Amino acid sequence: MITAPRVGRDGALSLHVERRGARSTLVGSRFTLPLQVLVPVALDDAACVVSLLNPTGGLVGGDRLAVDVRVGEGAHVCLTTPSATRVYRSIGSAAEQRVRLVLGPRAVCEWVPDHTIPSDGAALRQCLTAELAPGATLIAIDAFAAGRVARGEAWRFASLDSTLTVDDADGPLLYDRFVLDGAASWAGLGLAEAHPYWATIALLGDHGLDEFVTALPAQLGSRCGAVAGVARLVRRGLLVRCLAADAPVFIEMLHAIWTLARHCLLGLPSLALRKL
């Protein structure tokens, strides 16, 4: 009897960023489809900006993707995507994505991909793990839509499982996980409450956290359809949660939070990623 091959692809991407004089430079890059890295660009004087791409158009059930990023001492990398990530319907295994970020002393990593959009019946399991050396700073955004909202497919995915873990030499800094079953009514009272876009933003560092907490309400203002809150971690960090009623408000809110985080934690201005 012939056994059918596993559905899905195995993709791997490995990046190594080092400080070279006044610049942060991508010194090592390897990838296998369905993962790909675009040529780094210098959009400001601080970060090496790298876009991670899935040229197949999105994740399908059975895909297993692994991203490994190492940021050397004093280096600064900003990792993003050209657009939102689609996750397609699965009738079998979930799509899996594992991201590992290793930050050296005084290194900076901004993990700011566009949000993930699960289709009707999609199943995704992802894990982002970060290891921080002394003086390192991490800004990480984990953002989702409840589905193709404009097509009436909100909350119709099969399952979403997302884990965010951050450690340093002294032990755990953050462990955050959600597991959502699309069969449940997450839009109800006490849950998303008609806000089908949500995100978790983790801010880890040794400077600017108090300033961020104080400035966040004014930075967000009174945006209609947006809700956000911030909590302090036991050590070295903050966790921000936000909800939005539609995609334009969601994208604007995430950029405002990221802009404030750059100002408070890094002393840097807003970064325009120039996405078309």
C-alpha atoms as a PDB file:
ATOM      1  CA  MET A   1       0.000   0.000   0.000  1.00  0.00           C
ATOM      2  CA  ILE A   2       1.321   3.444  -0.922  1.00  0.00           C
ATOM      3  CA  THR A   3       1.122   6.057   1.808  1.00  0.00           C
ATOM      4  CA  ALA A   4       0.306   9.573   0.647  1.00  0.00           C
ATOM      5  CA  PRO A   5       2.930  12.188   1.533  1.00  0.00           C
ATOM      6  CA  ARG A   6       2.219  14.682   4.278  1.00  0.00           C
ATOM      7  CA  VAL A   7       0.336  17.748   3.137  1.00  0.00           C
ATOM      8  CA  GLY A   8       2.238  20.963   3.741  1.00  0.00           C
ATOM      9  CA  ARG A   9       5.791  22.232   3.427  1.00  0.00           C
ATOM     10  CA  ASP A  10       8.756  22.519   5.789  1.00  0.00           C
ATOM     11  CA  GLY A  11      10.259  26.004   5.671  1.00  0.00           C
ATOM     12  CA  ALA A  12      13.214  27.404   7.587  1.00  0.00           C
ATOM     13  CA  LEU A  13      14.742  30.851   7.833  1.00  0.00           C
ATOM     14  CA  SER A  14      17.876  31.831   9.735  1.00  0.00           C
ATOM     15  CA  LEU A  15      19.173  35.392  10.148  1.00  0.00           C
ATOM     16  CA  HIS A  16      22.225  36.785  11.929  1.00  0.00           C
ATOM     17  CA  VAL A  17      22.578  40.541  12.517  1.00  0.00           C
ATOM     18  CA  GLU A  18      25.765  42.115  13.854  1.00  0.00           C
ATOM     19  CA  ARG A  19      26.990  45.617  14.648  1.00  0.00           C
ATOM     20  CA  ARG A  20      29.527  46.886  12.111  1.00  0.00           C
ATOM     21  CA  GLY A  21      30.788  50.298  13.155  1.00  0.00           C
ATOM     22  CA  ALA A  22      27.814  52.658  13.323  1.00  0.00           C
ATOM     23  CA  ARG A  23      25.513  50.290  11.410  1.00  0.00           C
ATOM     24  CA  SER A  24      23.669  47.050  12.062  1.00  0.00           C
ATOM     25  CA  THR A  25      24.274  44.616   9.211  1.00  0.00           C
ATOM     26  CA  LEU A  26      22.732  41.325   8.125  1.00  0.00           C
ATOM     27  CA  VAL A  27      25.816  39.080   8.109  1.00  0.00           C
ATOM     28  CA  GLY A  28      24.084  35.721   7.705  1.00  0.00           C
ATOM     29  CA  SER A  29      20.920  34.673   5.889  1.00  0.00           C
ATOM     30  CA  ARG A  30      19.622  31.244   4.894  1.00  0.00           C
ATOM     31  CA  PHE A  31      16.106  30.187   3.958  1.00  0.00           C
ATOM     32  CA  THR A  32      14.107  27.421   2.344  1.00  0.00           C
ATOM     33  CA  LEU A  33      10.677  27.912   0.795  1.00  0.00           C
ATOM     34  CA  PRO A  34       7.964  28.645   1.800  1.00  0.00           C
ATOM     35  CA  LEU A  35      10.003  31.207   3.756  1.00  0.00           C
ATOM     36  CA  GLN A  36      12.080  33.922   2.138  1.00  0.00           C
ATOM     37  CA  VAL A  37      13.864  37.096   3.205  1.00  0.00           C
ATOM     38  CA  LEU A  38      13.950  40.298   1.166  1.00  0.00           C
ATOM     39  CA  VAL A  39      17.027  42.486   0.817  1.00  0.00           C
ATOM     40  CA  PRO A  40      17.479  44.585   4.006  1.00  0.00           C
ATOM     41  CA  VAL A  41      16.805  48.298   3.775  1.00  0.00           C
ATOM     42  CA  ALA A  42      18.059  51.204   5.861  1.00  0.00           C
ATOM     43  CA  LEU A  43      15.007  53.340   6.625  1.00  0.00           C
ATOM     44  CA  ASP A  44      16.637  55.107   9.557  1.00  0.00           C
ATOM     45  CA  ASP A  45      20.106  55.410  11.090  1.00  0.00           C
ATOM     46  CA  ALA A  46      19.531  52.776  13.751  1.00  0.00           C
ATOM     47  CA  ALA A  47      17.918  49.550  12.552  1.00  0.00           C
ATOM     48  CA  CYS A  48      18.561  46.994   9.859  1.00  0.00           C
ATOM     49  CA  VAL A  49      15.016  46.568   8.474  1.00  0.00           C
ATOM     50  CA  VAL A  50      14.274  43.079   7.119  1.00  0.00           C
ATOM     51  CA  SER A  51      11.036  41.817   5.562  1.00  0.00           C
ATOM     52  CA  LEU A  52      10.132  38.147   5.949  1.00  0.00           C
ATOM     53  CA  LEU A  53       8.043  36.792   3.096  1.00  0.00           C
ATOM     54  CA  ASN A  54       5.962  33.709   2.334  1.00  0.00           C
ATOM     55  CA  PRO A  55       5.833  33.791  -1.501  1.00  0.00           C
ATOM     56  CA  THR A  56       3.290  30.945  -1.620  1.00  0.00           C
ATOM     57  CA  GLY A  57       0.572  33.367  -0.474  1.00  0.00           C
ATOM     58  CA  GLY A  58      -0.023  32.083   3.052  1.00  0.00           C
ATOM     59  CA  LEU A  59      -0.006  29.114   5.408  1.00  0.00           C
ATOM     60  CA  VAL A  60      -1.843  25.862   4.733  1.00  0.00           C
ATOM     61  CA  GLY A  61      -2.570  22.964   7.048  1.00  0.00           C
ATOM     62  CA  GLY A  62       0.530  20.828   7.569  1.00  0.00           C
ATOM     63  CA  ASP A  63       3.037  23.646   6.961  1.00  0.00           C
ATOM     64  CA  ARG A  64       5.871  23.680   9.494  1.00  0.00           C
ATOM     65  CA  LEU A  65       7.835  26.903   9.506  1.00  0.00           C
ATOM     66  CA  ALA A  66      10.821  27.761  11.686  1.00  0.00           C
ATOM     67  CA  VAL A  67      12.406  31.221  11.985  1.00  0.00           C
ATOM     68  CA  ASP A  68      15.642  31.675  13.921  1.00  0.00           C
ATOM     69  CA  VAL A  69      17.095  35.171  14.442  1.00  0.00           C
ATOM     70  CA  ARG A  70      20.291  36.069  16.291  1.00  0.00           C
ATOM     71  CA  VAL A  71      21.083  39.691  17.075  1.00  0.00           C
ATOM     72  CA  GLY A  72      24.658  40.364  18.142  1.00  0.00           C
ATOM     73  CA  GLU A  73      25.935  42.720  20.813  1.00  0.00           C
ATOM     74  CA  GLY A  74      24.728  46.278  20.258  1.00  0.00           C
ATOM     75  CA  ALA A  75      22.990  45.419  16.969  1.00  0.00           C
ATOM     76  CA  HIS A  76      19.470  46.535  16.055  1.00  0.00           C
ATOM     77  CA  VAL A  77      17.065  44.713  13.737  1.00  0.00           C
ATOM     78  CA  CYS A  78      13.469  45.466  12.763  1.00  0.00           C
ATOM     79  CA  LEU A  79      11.626  42.418  11.401  1.00  0.00           C
ATOM     80  CA  THR A  80       8.372  42.855   9.515  1.00  0.00           C
ATOM     81  CA  THR A  81       6.273  41.396   6.676  1.00  0.00           C
ATOM     82  CA  PRO A  82       5.184  43.008   3.391  1.00  0.00           C
ATOM     83  CA  SER A  83       1.508  42.413   4.221  1.00  0.00           C
ATOM     84  CA  ALA A  84      -0.869  40.480   6.450  1.00  0.00           C
ATOM     85  CA  THR A  85      -0.373  36.703   6.715  1.00  0.00           C
ATOM     86  CA  ARG A  86      -3.199  34.496   5.440  1.00  0.00           C
ATOM     87  CA  VAL A  87      -3.915  31.105   7.001  1.00  0.00           C
ATOM     88  CA  TYR A  88      -6.069  28.874   4.794  1.00  0.00           C
ATOM     89  CA  ARG A  89      -8.662  26.238   5.639  1.00  0.00           C
ATOM     90  CA  SER A  90      -7.308  22.934   6.909  1.00  0.00           C
ATOM     91  CA  ILE A  91      -9.050  19.563   6.897  1.00  0.00           C
ATOM     92  CA  GLY A  92      -6.127  17.898   8.684  1.00  0.00           C
ATOM     93  CA  SER A  93      -3.129  19.123  10.653  1.00  0.00           C
ATOM     94  CA  ALA A  94      -2.735  22.698  11.803  1.00  0.00           C
ATOM     95  CA  ALA A  95      -0.182  25.008  10.230  1.00  0.00           C
ATOM     96  CA  GLU A  96       2.739  25.487  12.624  1.00  0.00           C
ATOM     97  CA  GLN A  97       5.155  28.385  12.963  1.00  0.00           C
ATOM     98  CA  ARG A  98       8.010  28.660  15.446  1.00  0.00           C
ATOM     99  CA  VAL A  99      10.023  31.853  15.893  1.00  0.00           C
ATOM    100  CA  ARG A 100      13.135  32.071  18.082  1.00  0.00           C
ATOM    101  CA  LEU A 101      14.826  35.398  18.793  1.00  0.00           C
ATOM    102  CA  VAL A 102      18.195  35.485  20.580  1.00  0.00           C
ATOM    103  CA  LEU A 103      19.368  38.969  21.602  1.00  0.00           C
ATOM    104  CA  GLY A 104      22.930  39.645  22.675  1.00  0.00           C
ATOM    105  CA  PRO A 105      24.026  42.313  25.190  1.00  0.00           C
ATOM    106  CA  ARG A 106      22.431  45.702  24.443  1.00  0.00           C
ATOM    107  CA  ALA A 107      20.865  44.305  21.260  1.00  0.00           C
ATOM    108  CA  VAL A 108      17.499  45.552  20.002  1.00  0.00           C
ATOM    109  CA  CYS A 109      14.866  43.541  18.141  1.00  0.00           C
ATOM    110  CA  GLU A 110      11.569  44.927  16.854  1.00  0.00           C
ATOM    111  CA  TRP A 111       9.241  42.092  15.783  1.00  0.00           C
ATOM    112  CA  VAL A 112       6.451  43.950  13.977  1.00  0.00           C
ATOM    113  CA  PRO A 113       4.772  41.740  11.341  1.00  0.00           C
ATOM    114  CA  ASP A 114       1.385  42.689   9.942  1.00  0.00           C
ATOM    115  CA  HIS A 115      -1.565  40.872  11.495  1.00  0.00           C
ATOM    116  CA  THR A 116      -2.596  37.276  10.795  1.00  0.00           C
ATOM    117  CA  ILE A 117      -5.905  36.537   9.021  1.00  0.00           C
ATOM    118  CA  PRO A 118      -7.322  33.013   9.458  1.00  0.00           C
ATOM    119  CA  SER A 119      -9.812  31.811   6.843  1.00  0.00           C
ATOM    120  CA  ASP A 120     -12.980  29.884   7.606  1.00  0.00           C
ATOM    121  CA  GLY A 121     -11.778  26.501   8.929  1.00  0.00           C
ATOM    122  CA  ALA A 122      -8.133  27.534   9.373  1.00  0.00           C
ATOM    123  CA  ALA A 123      -5.998  25.994  12.130  1.00  0.00           C
ATOM    124  CA  LEU A 124      -2.785  27.623  13.341  1.00  0.00           C
ATOM    125  CA  ARG A 125      -0.348  26.864  16.125  1.00  0.00           C
ATOM    126  CA  GLN A 126       2.495  29.332  16.625  1.00  0.00           C
ATOM    127  CA  CYS A 127       5.157  30.005  19.212  1.00  0.00           C
ATOM    128  CA  LEU A 128       7.472  33.000  19.600  1.00  0.00           C
ATOM    129  CA  THR A 129      10.364  32.562  22.032  1.00  0.00           C
ATOM    130  CA  ALA A 130      12.869  35.291  22.894  1.00  0.00           C
ATOM    131  CA  GLU A 131      16.080  35.106  24.933  1.00  0.00           C
ATOM    132  CA  LEU A 132      17.431  38.433  26.191  1.00  0.00           C
ATOM    133  CA  ALA A 133      20.992  39.157  27.290  1.00  0.00           C
ATOM    134  CA  PRO A 134      21.685  42.024  29.761  1.00  0.00           C
ATOM    135  CA  GLY A 135      20.694  45.393  28.360  1.00  0.00           C
ATOM    136  CA  ALA A 136      18.748  43.935  25.426  1.00  0.00           C
ATOM    137  CA  THR A 137      15.415  45.418  24.329  1.00  0.00           C
ATOM    138  CA  LEU A 138      12.511  43.646  22.625  1.00  0.00           C
ATOM    139  CA  ILE A 139       9.372  45.102  21.050  1.00  0.00           C
ATOM    140  CA  ALA A 140       7.108  42.287  19.830  1.00  0.00           C
ATOM    141  CA  ILE A 141       3.638  42.523  18.265  1.00  0.00           C
ATOM    142  CA  ASP A 142       1.328  39.494  17.964  1.00  0.00           C
ATOM    143  CA  ALA A 143      -1.746  40.670  16.040  1.00  0.00           C
ATOM    144  CA  PHE A 144      -4.789  38.892  14.594  1.00  0.00           C
ATOM    145  CA  ALA A 145      -8.020  39.400  12.741  1.00  0.00           C
ATOM    146  CA  ALA A 146     -10.917  37.080  13.600  1.00  0.00           C
ATOM    147  CA  GLY A 147     -11.076  36.088   9.946  1.00  0.00           C
ATOM    148  CA  ARG A 148     -12.083  37.731   6.692  1.00  0.00           C
ATOM    149  CA  VAL A 149     -14.379  40.072   8.557  1.00  0.00           C
ATOM    150  CA  ALA A 150     -15.692  41.968   5.506  1.00  0.00           C
ATOM    151  CA  ARG A 151     -16.870  38.637   4.016  1.00  0.00           C
ATOM    152  CA  GLY A 152     -18.775  37.718   7.157  1.00  0.00           C
ATOM    153  CA  GLU A 153     -16.257  35.078   8.247  1.00  0.00           C
ATOM    154  CA  ALA A 154     -15.361  36.441  11.686  1.00  0.00           C
ATOM    155  CA  TRP A 155     -14.708  33.772  14.351  1.00  0.00           C
ATOM    156  CA  ARG A 156     -15.145  30.902  11.881  1.00  0.00           C
ATOM    157  CA  PHE A 157     -11.585  29.557  12.059  1.00  0.00           C
ATOM    158  CA  ALA A 158     -11.094  26.045  13.447  1.00  0.00           C
ATOM    159  CA  SER A 159      -8.453  26.935  16.054  1.00  0.00           C
ATOM    160  CA  LEU A 160      -5.813  29.525  16.938  1.00  0.00           C
ATOM    161  CA  ASP A 161      -3.054  28.701  19.413  1.00  0.00           C
ATOM    162  CA  SER A 162      -0.426  31.378  20.064  1.00  0.00           C
ATOM    163  CA  THR A 163       2.343  31.388  22.691  1.00  0.00           C
ATOM    164  CA  LEU A 164       4.766  34.186  23.559  1.00  0.00           C
ATOM    165  CA  THR A 165       7.682  33.407  25.882  1.00  0.00           C
ATOM    166  CA  VAL A 166      10.524  35.717  26.955  1.00  0.00           C
ATOM    167  CA  ASP A 167      13.429  34.785  29.251  1.00  0.00           C
ATOM    168  CA  ASP A 168      16.680  36.320  30.409  1.00  0.00           C
ATOM    169  CA  ALA A 169      19.612  35.016  32.423  1.00  0.00           C
ATOM    170  CA  ASP A 170      17.672  35.416  35.679  1.00  0.00           C
ATOM    171  CA  GLY A 171      14.690  33.351  34.511  1.00  0.00           C
ATOM    172  CA  PRO A 172      11.281  33.843  32.915  1.00  0.00           C
ATOM    173  CA  LEU A 173      10.073  37.355  32.075  1.00  0.00           C
ATOM    174  CA  LEU A 174       6.855  36.558  30.234  1.00  0.00           C
ATOM    175  CA  TYR A 175       4.713  33.571  29.349  1.00  0.00           C
ATOM    176  CA  ASP A 176       1.530  34.429  27.467  1.00  0.00           C
ATOM    177  CA  ARG A 177      -0.750  32.034  25.600  1.00  0.00           C
ATOM    178  CA  PHE A 178      -4.214  31.958  24.128  1.00  0.00           C
ATOM    179  CA  VAL A 179      -6.094  29.051  22.566  1.00  0.00           C
ATOM    180  CA  LEU A 180      -9.278  29.940  20.684  1.00  0.00           C
ATOM    181  CA  ASP A 181     -11.806  27.517  19.238  1.00  0.00           C
ATOM    182  CA  GLY A 182     -13.697  29.037  16.348  1.00  0.00           C
ATOM    183  CA  ALA A 183     -16.873  27.265  17.421  1.00  0.00           C
ATOM    184  CA  ALA A 184     -17.146  29.474  20.510  1.00  0.00           C
ATOM    185  CA  SER A 185     -18.859  32.883  20.565  1.00  0.00           C
ATOM    186  CA  TRP A 186     -15.807  35.064  21.269  1.00  0.00           C
ATOM    187  CA  ALA A 187     -17.626  38.185  20.128  1.00  0.00           C
ATOM    188  CA  GLY A 188     -19.947  38.128  23.144  1.00  0.00           C
ATOM    189  CA  LEU A 189     -20.155  40.159  26.354  1.00  0.00           C
ATOM    190  CA  GLY A 190     -16.974  40.028  28.402  1.00  0.00           C
ATOM    191  CA  LEU A 191     -14.967  38.744  25.434  1.00  0.00           C
ATOM    192  CA  ALA A 192     -14.165  40.628  22.211  1.00  0.00           C
ATOM    193  CA  GLU A 193     -17.535  42.454  22.260  1.00  0.00           C
ATOM    194  CA  ALA A 194     -17.796  43.284  18.532  1.00  0.00           C
ATOM    195  CA  HIS A 195     -14.043  43.894  18.218  1.00  0.00           C
ATOM    196  CA  PRO A 196     -12.818  41.272  15.706  1.00  0.00           C
ATOM    197  CA  TYR A 197      -9.210  42.528  15.717  1.00  0.00           C
ATOM    198  CA  TRP A 198      -6.894  41.996  18.661  1.00  0.00           C
ATOM    199  CA  ALA A 199      -3.206  42.152  19.525  1.00  0.00           C
ATOM    200  CA  THR A 200      -0.692  41.575  22.283  1.00  0.00           C
ATOM    201  CA  ILE A 201       2.368  43.833  22.399  1.00  0.00           C
ATOM    202  CA  ALA A 202       5.282  42.836  24.626  1.00  0.00           C
ATOM    203  CA  LEU A 203       7.793  45.499  25.632  1.00  0.00           C
ATOM    204  CA  LEU A 204      10.945  44.255  27.362  1.00  0.00           C
ATOM    205  CA  GLY A 205      13.809  46.507  28.334  1.00  0.00           C
ATOM    206  CA  ASP A 206      15.557  48.439  31.057  1.00  0.00           C
ATOM    207  CA  HIS A 207      14.554  52.000  30.140  1.00  0.00           C
ATOM    208  CA  GLY A 208      11.454  54.029  29.357  1.00  0.00           C
ATOM    209  CA  LEU A 209       8.760  51.687  30.711  1.00  0.00           C
ATOM    210  CA  ASP A 210       7.329  54.187  33.207  1.00  0.00           C
ATOM    211  CA  GLU A 211       7.282  56.876  30.517  1.00  0.00           C
ATOM    212  CA  PHE A 212       5.376  54.548  28.177  1.00  0.00           C
ATOM    213  CA  VAL A 213       2.688  53.777  30.778  1.00  0.00           C
ATOM    214  CA  THR A 214       2.189  57.462  31.506  1.00  0.00           C
ATOM    215  CA  ALA A 215       2.041  58.520  27.847  1.00  0.00           C
ATOM    216  CA  LEU A 216      -0.109  55.678  26.426  1.00  0.00           C
ATOM    217  CA  PRO A 217      -3.583  57.210  27.050  1.00  0.00           C
ATOM    218  CA  ALA A 218      -2.672  60.458  25.338  1.00  0.00           C
ATOM    219  CA  GLN A 219      -0.974  58.616  22.461  1.00  0.00           C
ATOM    220  CA  LEU A 220      -4.082  56.553  21.722  1.00  0.00           C
ATOM    221  CA  GLY A 221      -6.501  59.417  22.312  1.00  0.00           C
ATOM    222  CA  SER A 222     -10.207  58.722  21.904  1.00  0.00           C
ATOM    223  CA  ARG A 223     -10.181  56.527  18.807  1.00  0.00           C
ATOM    224  CA  CYS A 224     -13.687  55.247  18.110  1.00  0.00           C
ATOM    225  CA  GLY A 225     -13.802  51.451  18.099  1.00  0.00           C
ATOM    226  CA  ALA A 226     -10.455  50.945  19.858  1.00  0.00           C
ATOM    227  CA  VAL A 227      -9.734  49.628  23.359  1.00  0.00           C
ATOM    228  CA  ALA A 228      -6.295  49.144  24.936  1.00  0.00           C
ATOM    229  CA  GLY A 229      -4.730  48.484  28.317  1.00  0.00           C
ATOM    230  CA  VAL A 230      -1.246  47.984  29.715  1.00  0.00           C
ATOM    231  CA  ALA A 231       0.080  45.889  32.614  1.00  0.00           C
ATOM    232  CA  ARG A 232       3.500  45.700  34.231  1.00  0.00           C
ATOM    233  CA  LEU A 233       5.436  42.464  34.285  1.00  0.00           C
ATOM    234  CA  VAL A 234       7.281  41.435  37.435  1.00  0.00           C
ATOM    235  CA  ARG A 235      10.614  42.360  35.842  1.00  0.00           C
ATOM    236  CA  ARG A 236      11.842  44.400  32.875  1.00  0.00           C
ATOM    237  CA  GLY A 237       8.650  44.693  30.904  1.00  0.00           C
ATOM    238  CA  LEU A 238       5.114  45.652  29.990  1.00  0.00           C
ATOM    239  CA  LEU A 239       2.277  43.831  28.250  1.00  0.00           C
ATOM    240  CA  VAL A 240      -0.241  45.738  26.143  1.00  0.00           C
ATOM    241  CA  ARG A 241      -3.590  44.309  25.003  1.00  0.00           C
ATOM    242  CA  CYS A 242      -5.720  45.987  22.392  1.00  0.00           C
ATOM    243  CA  LEU A 243      -8.991  45.431  20.533  1.00  0.00           C
ATOM    244  CA  ALA A 244     -10.369  47.195  17.472  1.00  0.00           C
ATOM    245  CA  ALA A 245     -13.668  47.230  15.619  1.00  0.00           C
ATOM    246  CA  ASP A 246     -12.201  47.456  12.113  1.00  0.00           C
ATOM    247  CA  ALA A 247      -8.923  47.058  10.253  1.00  0.00           C
ATOM    248  CA  PRO A 248      -8.076  50.759   9.635  1.00  0.00           C
ATOM    249  CA  VAL A 249      -8.491  51.625  13.334  1.00  0.00           C
ATOM    250  CA  PHE A 250      -6.526  48.484  14.274  1.00  0.00           C
ATOM    251  CA  ILE A 251      -3.576  49.305  12.025  1.00  0.00           C
ATOM    252  CA  GLU A 252      -3.538  52.928  13.173  1.00  0.00           C
ATOM    253  CA  MET A 253      -3.631  51.890  16.840  1.00  0.00           C
ATOM    254  CA  LEU A 254      -0.796  49.365  16.474  1.00  0.00           C
ATOM    255  CA  HIS A 255       1.371  51.950  14.732  1.00  0.00           C
ATOM    256  CA  ALA A 256       0.665  54.488  17.477  1.00  0.00           C
ATOM    257  CA  ILE A 257       1.669  51.989  20.186  1.00  0.00           C
ATOM    258  CA  TRP A 258       4.797  50.964  18.279  1.00  0.00           C
ATOM    259  CA  THR A 259       5.726  54.619  17.738  1.00  0.00           C
ATOM    260  CA  LEU A 260       5.399  55.342  21.454  1.00  0.00           C
ATOM    261  CA  ALA A 261       7.431  52.226  22.330  1.00  0.00           C
ATOM    262  CA  ARG A 262      10.242  53.321  19.997  1.00  0.00           C
ATOM    263  CA  HIS A 263      10.268  56.778  21.567  1.00  0.00           C
ATOM    264  CA  CYS A 264      10.211  55.628  25.195  1.00  0.00           C
ATOM    265  CA  LEU A 265      12.354  52.477  25.090  1.00  0.00           C
ATOM    266  CA  LEU A 266      14.777  53.347  22.295  1.00  0.00           C
ATOM    267  CA  GLY A 267      14.728  57.136  22.029  1.00  0.00           C
ATOM    268  CA  LEU A 268      13.912  56.831  18.312  1.00  0.00           C
ATOM    269  CA  PRO A 269      11.251  58.451  16.121  1.00  0.00           C
ATOM    270  CA  SER A 270       8.469  56.670  14.270  1.00  0.00           C
ATOM    271  CA  LEU A 271       9.589  54.352  11.472  1.00  0.00           C
ATOM    272  CA  ALA A 272       7.701  54.376   8.157  1.00  0.00           C
ATOM    273  CA  LEU A 273       8.041  50.917   6.604  1.00  0.00           C
ATOM    274  CA  ARG A 274       6.848  52.093   3.161  1.00  0.00           C
ATOM    275  CA  LYS A 275       4.554  49.179   2.410  1.00  0.00           C
ATOM    276  CA  LEU A 276       2.493  49.366  -0.747  1.00  0.00           C
END
